[in-house]
């Protein structure tokens, strides 16, 4: 028998499932008889937990040089093809390649690039991946500094490998996050099909 607490309904099903809904019928919580719970949603298949996953550039099977030598640049994550694309609550901007936080709280971001240096005579090819918050590499960090990450330095040229950048960042509502990197040499390239960026709200 459902319990109505000031128009918030708590109900159990015949199999022991538990659900909580609000006055509009939006499911706030759902748990099955195995103790597993599902994401809350507002309306038909619109999940309340903001998250995104997007591919790199045009998603083609090509190597590209996203940032010229000695420069910082924003990575063009705007590919929506295939089955992996997500933009729950529409918080990711495909034009400006940025995620805008809908709520204040902690967010987890992960960007992945498959990288390659075409300069076989220079083993010092490298890049620095980092997340920019509100246009700054040091914003919203505990010490106000850029997390130092270096990728592929010391690897011999003409050899591709994976590089990841993963970070928990505390954001206030309307903060925006972008994936950037610094390129040490012109030969540093990414393979479009093997690159992606994702993020999710983990709680306030």
Protein backbone atom coordinates (compact mmCIF):
# COMPACT_ATOMS: atom_id res chain seq x y z
CA UNK A 1 0.00 0.00 0.00
CA UNK A 2 1.53 3.35 -1.03
CA UNK A 3 2.34 5.88 1.67
CA UNK A 4 1.59 9.53 0.89
CA UNK A 5 3.86 11.94 2.79
CA UNK A 6 2.75 15.46 1.96
CA UNK A 7 2.10 14.40 -1.68
CA UNK A 8 5.38 12.46 -1.96
CA UNK A 9 4.47 8.82 -2.58
CA UNK A 10 6.50 5.86 -1.29
CA UNK A 11 5.41 2.56 -2.82
CA UNK A 12 6.54 -1.06 -2.99
CA UNK A 13 5.71 -3.54 -5.72
CA UNK A 14 4.74 -7.20 -5.46
CA UNK A 15 8.35 -8.25 -6.08
CA UNK A 16 9.73 -6.00 -3.33
CA UNK A 17 10.70 -3.05 -5.52
CA UNK A 18 10.67 0.36 -3.83
CA UNK A 19 9.95 3.69 -5.52
CA UNK A 20 9.52 7.31 -4.45
CA UNK A 21 7.70 9.78 -6.69
CA UNK A 22 6.87 13.47 -6.36
CA UNK A 23 3.54 15.24 -6.89
CA UNK A 24 4.05 15.29 -10.67
CA UNK A 25 4.75 11.57 -10.87
CA UNK A 26 8.50 12.07 -11.42
CA UNK A 27 10.50 9.17 -10.05
CA UNK A 28 12.97 10.41 -7.46
CA UNK A 29 14.26 7.02 -6.31
CA UNK A 30 13.86 3.41 -7.37
CA UNK A 31 15.35 0.26 -5.83
CA UNK A 32 14.76 -3.37 -6.74
CA UNK A 33 14.57 -6.38 -4.42
CA UNK A 34 18.29 -7.00 -4.93
CA UNK A 35 19.16 -3.61 -3.44
CA UNK A 36 20.11 -2.08 -6.80
CA UNK A 37 18.91 1.47 -7.42
CA UNK A 38 18.41 3.29 -10.71
CA UNK A 39 18.99 6.87 -11.69
CA UNK A 40 16.19 9.32 -10.93
CA UNK A 41 14.50 10.98 -13.86
CA UNK A 42 12.15 13.85 -14.59
CA UNK A 43 9.58 13.01 -17.24
CA UNK A 44 9.87 10.31 -19.90
CA UNK A 45 13.47 9.04 -19.97
CA UNK A 46 14.92 12.43 -18.98
CA UNK A 47 17.44 11.65 -16.26
CA UNK A 48 18.01 14.11 -13.45
CA UNK A 49 21.71 13.26 -13.10
CA UNK A 50 23.57 15.48 -15.54
CA UNK A 51 26.16 13.68 -17.67
CA UNK A 52 27.70 13.77 -21.13
CA UNK A 53 29.95 11.79 -23.47
CA UNK A 54 31.12 13.15 -26.82
CA UNK A 55 33.54 12.12 -29.56
CA UNK A 56 36.47 14.03 -31.01
CA UNK A 57 36.29 16.33 -34.05
CA UNK A 58 34.44 14.60 -36.92
CA UNK A 59 35.03 11.09 -35.61
CA UNK A 60 36.91 10.12 -38.76
CA UNK A 61 39.71 7.58 -39.10
CA UNK A 62 42.31 10.34 -39.45
CA UNK A 63 45.26 11.76 -37.56
CA UNK A 64 45.00 15.49 -36.84
CA UNK A 65 47.20 18.08 -35.14
CA UNK A 66 44.83 19.92 -32.78
CA UNK A 67 47.33 22.42 -31.34
CA UNK A 68 50.39 23.96 -32.97
CA UNK A 69 53.85 23.75 -31.43
CA UNK A 70 54.38 25.73 -28.24
CA UNK A 71 50.72 26.67 -27.77
CA UNK A 72 47.71 25.91 -25.59
CA UNK A 73 44.48 25.02 -27.37
CA UNK A 74 40.97 23.79 -26.69
CA UNK A 75 40.27 20.30 -28.05
CA UNK A 76 37.33 20.13 -30.51
CA UNK A 77 35.10 17.48 -28.94
CA UNK A 78 31.95 17.81 -31.01
CA UNK A 79 31.28 14.46 -32.66
CA UNK A 80 27.81 13.05 -31.92
CA UNK A 81 27.74 10.01 -34.21
CA UNK A 82 27.54 6.41 -33.13
CA UNK A 83 25.82 5.00 -30.07
CA UNK A 84 28.03 6.53 -27.39
CA UNK A 85 26.95 10.16 -27.54
CA UNK A 86 25.19 11.46 -24.41
CA UNK A 87 24.07 14.94 -23.42
CA UNK A 88 21.74 14.45 -20.47
CA UNK A 89 19.94 17.70 -19.60
CA UNK A 90 21.68 19.43 -22.52
CA UNK A 91 24.58 20.79 -20.46
CA UNK A 92 27.28 20.15 -23.08
CA UNK A 93 27.74 22.81 -25.80
CA UNK A 94 28.73 21.21 -29.11
CA UNK A 95 29.68 24.58 -30.62
CA UNK A 96 31.97 25.87 -27.88
CA UNK A 97 33.07 22.38 -26.74
CA UNK A 98 32.23 23.05 -23.11
CA UNK A 99 30.21 21.61 -20.26
CA UNK A 100 28.26 24.01 -18.04
CA UNK A 101 27.42 22.87 -14.51
CA UNK A 102 23.68 22.96 -13.79
CA UNK A 103 24.19 22.57 -10.04
CA UNK A 104 26.82 23.28 -7.42
CA UNK A 105 28.72 20.16 -6.42
CA UNK A 106 31.39 17.66 -7.40
CA UNK A 107 31.86 16.49 -10.99
CA UNK A 108 34.04 13.77 -12.46
CA UNK A 109 35.62 14.39 -15.90
CA UNK A 110 37.65 12.07 -18.10
CA UNK A 111 39.17 12.90 -21.48
CA UNK A 112 40.89 10.29 -23.62
CA UNK A 113 43.13 10.83 -26.66
CA UNK A 114 45.06 8.33 -28.73
CA UNK A 115 48.24 10.26 -29.56
CA UNK A 116 51.11 9.89 -31.98
CA UNK A 117 54.26 11.75 -32.87
CA UNK A 118 55.15 11.84 -36.53
CA UNK A 119 58.66 13.12 -35.91
CA UNK A 120 60.71 9.92 -35.79
CA UNK A 121 63.91 11.81 -35.05
CA UNK A 122 62.66 13.59 -31.92
CA UNK A 123 61.75 11.53 -28.86
CA UNK A 124 60.87 14.65 -26.83
CA UNK A 125 57.40 15.05 -28.34
CA UNK A 126 54.86 15.72 -25.59
CA UNK A 127 51.58 17.35 -24.61
CA UNK A 128 50.03 18.63 -21.36
CA UNK A 129 46.31 17.74 -21.05
CA UNK A 130 44.31 19.81 -18.53
CA UNK A 131 40.73 20.85 -17.78
CA UNK A 132 40.04 24.60 -17.94
CA UNK A 133 37.35 25.98 -15.61
CA UNK A 134 35.83 29.32 -16.62
CA UNK A 135 38.73 29.85 -19.02
CA UNK A 136 41.43 29.22 -16.40
CA UNK A 137 43.71 26.23 -15.86
CA UNK A 138 44.01 26.97 -12.13
CA UNK A 139 40.40 27.75 -11.17
CA UNK A 140 38.52 25.53 -8.69
CA UNK A 141 41.69 23.69 -7.67
CA UNK A 142 42.62 23.29 -3.99
CA UNK A 143 45.93 25.13 -4.41
CA UNK A 144 44.89 27.38 -7.30
CA UNK A 145 47.46 25.82 -9.64
CA UNK A 146 47.26 23.79 -12.82
CA UNK A 147 47.56 20.03 -12.22
CA UNK A 148 50.82 19.12 -13.94
CA UNK A 149 50.49 16.29 -16.45
CA UNK A 150 52.85 15.41 -19.26
CA UNK A 151 52.20 12.78 -21.90
CA UNK A 152 54.50 10.88 -24.32
CA UNK A 153 57.69 12.65 -23.24
CA UNK A 154 60.59 10.26 -23.72
CA UNK A 155 58.78 7.92 -26.12
CA UNK A 156 60.40 7.37 -29.46
CA UNK A 157 58.71 8.96 -32.47
CA UNK A 158 56.26 7.18 -34.76
CA UNK A 159 54.73 5.22 -31.88
CA UNK A 160 51.13 5.83 -30.82
CA UNK A 161 49.68 5.29 -27.38
CA UNK A 162 46.76 6.24 -25.13
CA UNK A 163 46.64 9.26 -22.88
CA UNK A 164 43.97 9.99 -20.27
CA UNK A 165 43.19 12.94 -18.06
CA UNK A 166 40.81 12.31 -15.15
CA UNK A 167 39.85 14.73 -12.38
CA UNK A 168 37.21 15.44 -9.75
CA UNK A 169 36.38 19.15 -9.81
CA UNK A 170 34.10 21.05 -7.45
CA UNK A 171 31.97 23.46 -9.50
CA UNK A 172 29.41 26.09 -8.67
CA UNK A 173 26.29 26.35 -10.81
CA UNK A 174 27.06 28.02 -14.20
CA UNK A 175 30.80 27.22 -14.08
CA UNK A 176 31.97 25.78 -17.40
CA UNK A 177 34.68 23.22 -18.16
CA UNK A 178 36.70 22.68 -21.35
CA UNK A 179 39.34 20.12 -22.37
CA UNK A 180 42.64 21.80 -23.33
CA UNK A 181 46.21 20.77 -23.89
CA UNK A 182 49.63 22.23 -24.54
CA UNK A 183 51.59 20.86 -27.49
CA UNK A 184 55.35 20.73 -27.16
CA UNK A 185 55.99 19.94 -30.83
CA UNK A 186 54.19 20.18 -34.15
CA UNK A 187 54.30 16.41 -34.65
CA UNK A 188 51.91 15.63 -31.75
CA UNK A 189 48.70 14.27 -33.27
CA UNK A 190 45.44 12.63 -32.20
CA UNK A 191 43.45 9.91 -33.92
CA UNK A 192 39.86 11.13 -34.14
CA UNK A 193 38.05 7.80 -33.84
CA UNK A 194 39.82 6.84 -30.63
CA UNK A 195 39.21 10.03 -28.64
CA UNK A 196 36.35 10.95 -26.31
CA UNK A 197 35.42 13.20 -23.41
CA UNK A 198 32.88 12.51 -20.67
CA UNK A 199 31.67 13.92 -17.36
CA UNK A 200 29.06 13.29 -14.67
CA UNK A 201 27.66 15.00 -11.59
CA UNK A 202 28.60 12.93 -8.54
CA UNK A 203 26.80 14.85 -5.79
CA UNK A 204 26.65 18.06 -3.83
